[in-house]
Amino acid sequence: MNITECSLKLRELTEHHANYQLNFEDYRIQRKVLLDSLDQQYNGVVAEQIDTLLEPIIENETQQDKTQPYLASKIGRCISFLKRNNEN
């Protein structure tokens, strides 16, 4: 697959995730396959399996959307942070 085809597939994959047609874990898996194939083709580097998790997995992440308290609290913290920075 050339870089243009990969770019188009990556853009399509991102749109599916942004429109809630693909959950986060599936998005990451498919993105990794695309990026690994590019890395192998252009850099000659083969990806290795990592056995440890690099970041914690949030339970029920696929059920969280813009109306749920989890995201609302994150947005609230961001707004508070921005207000504090504007006061200085």
Protein backbone atom coordinates (compact mmCIF):
# COMPACT_ATOMS: atom_id res chain seq x y z
CA MET A 1 0.00 0.00 0.00
CA ASN A 2 1.44 3.38 -0.90
CA ILE A 3 1.39 6.39 1.39
CA THR A 4 -1.56 8.03 -0.40
CA GLU A 5 -3.76 4.95 0.01
CA CYS A 6 -2.75 4.66 3.65
CA SER A 7 -3.52 8.34 4.23
CA LEU A 8 -7.00 7.93 2.76
CA LYS A 9 -7.68 4.83 4.85
CA LEU A 10 -6.42 6.58 7.99
CA ARG A 11 -8.67 9.57 7.30
CA GLU A 12 -11.65 7.25 6.77
CA LEU A 13 -10.82 5.38 9.97
CA THR A 14 -10.61 8.65 11.91
CA GLU A 15 -13.97 9.81 10.57
CA HIS A 16 -15.60 6.52 11.59
CA HIS A 17 -14.22 6.92 15.11
CA ALA A 18 -15.24 10.59 15.32
CA ASN A 19 -18.79 9.70 14.24
CA TYR A 20 -19.08 6.91 16.86
CA GLN A 21 -19.16 4.20 14.19
CA LEU A 22 -16.00 2.64 15.63
CA ASN A 23 -15.07 2.30 19.30
CA PHE A 24 -11.72 3.56 20.58
CA GLU A 25 -10.06 0.17 20.97
CA ASP A 26 -10.94 -0.97 17.45
CA TYR A 27 -9.81 2.40 16.10
CA ARG A 28 -6.42 2.01 17.81
CA ILE A 29 -5.98 -1.55 16.54
CA GLN A 30 -6.79 -0.64 12.94
CA ARG A 31 -4.67 2.53 13.09
CA LYS A 32 -1.73 0.49 14.39
CA VAL A 33 -2.02 -1.94 11.48
CA LEU A 34 -1.93 0.93 8.97
CA LEU A 35 0.96 2.74 10.62
CA ASP A 36 2.95 -0.46 11.12
CA SER A 37 2.58 -1.34 7.45
CA LEU A 38 3.89 2.10 6.46
CA ASP A 39 6.76 1.81 8.91
CA GLN A 40 7.74 -1.58 7.54
CA GLN A 41 7.43 -0.53 3.90
CA TYR A 42 9.27 2.81 4.07
CA ASN A 43 11.59 2.41 7.07
CA GLY A 44 12.15 -1.34 7.07
CA VAL A 45 11.14 -1.51 10.74
CA VAL A 46 8.92 -4.34 11.94
CA ALA A 47 6.73 -3.60 14.97
CA GLU A 48 7.12 -5.81 18.02
CA GLN A 49 4.39 -6.95 20.38
CA ILE A 50 4.34 -5.10 23.70
CA ASP A 51 2.95 -7.14 26.58
CA THR A 52 2.30 -4.29 29.02
CA LEU A 53 -0.35 -1.61 28.76
CA LEU A 54 1.06 1.85 28.25
CA GLU A 55 -2.01 3.62 29.64
CA PRO A 56 -4.95 2.58 31.79
CA ILE A 57 -8.15 1.54 30.07
CA ILE A 58 -11.26 3.39 31.19
CA GLU A 59 -14.11 0.99 31.86
CA ASN A 60 -17.20 1.39 29.68
CA GLU A 61 -15.44 3.92 27.47
CA THR A 62 -17.65 3.03 24.51
CA GLN A 63 -20.71 4.05 26.52
CA GLN A 64 -19.38 7.51 27.36
CA ASP A 65 -20.60 10.25 25.10
CA LYS A 66 -20.97 14.03 25.26
CA THR A 67 -23.95 13.88 27.62
CA GLN A 68 -22.36 11.81 30.34
CA PRO A 69 -20.88 13.16 33.58
CA TYR A 70 -17.37 11.90 32.80
CA LEU A 71 -16.93 14.17 29.81
CA ALA A 72 -18.82 17.03 31.47
CA SER A 73 -16.38 16.96 34.40
CA LYS A 74 -13.41 16.99 32.00
CA ILE A 75 -14.85 19.99 30.16
CA GLY A 76 -15.52 21.74 33.47
CA ARG A 77 -11.91 21.27 34.57
CA CYS A 78 -10.64 22.63 31.25
CA ILE A 79 -12.84 25.72 31.52
CA SER A 80 -11.69 26.33 35.11
CA PHE A 81 -8.08 26.02 34.01
CA LEU A 82 -8.59 28.50 31.17
CA LYS A 83 -10.36 30.99 33.47
CA ARG A 84 -7.46 30.87 35.95
CA ASN A 85 -4.94 31.53 33.17
CA ASN A 86 -6.94 34.49 31.83
CA GLU A 87 -7.02 36.14 35.27
CA ASN A 88 -3.21 36.33 35.46
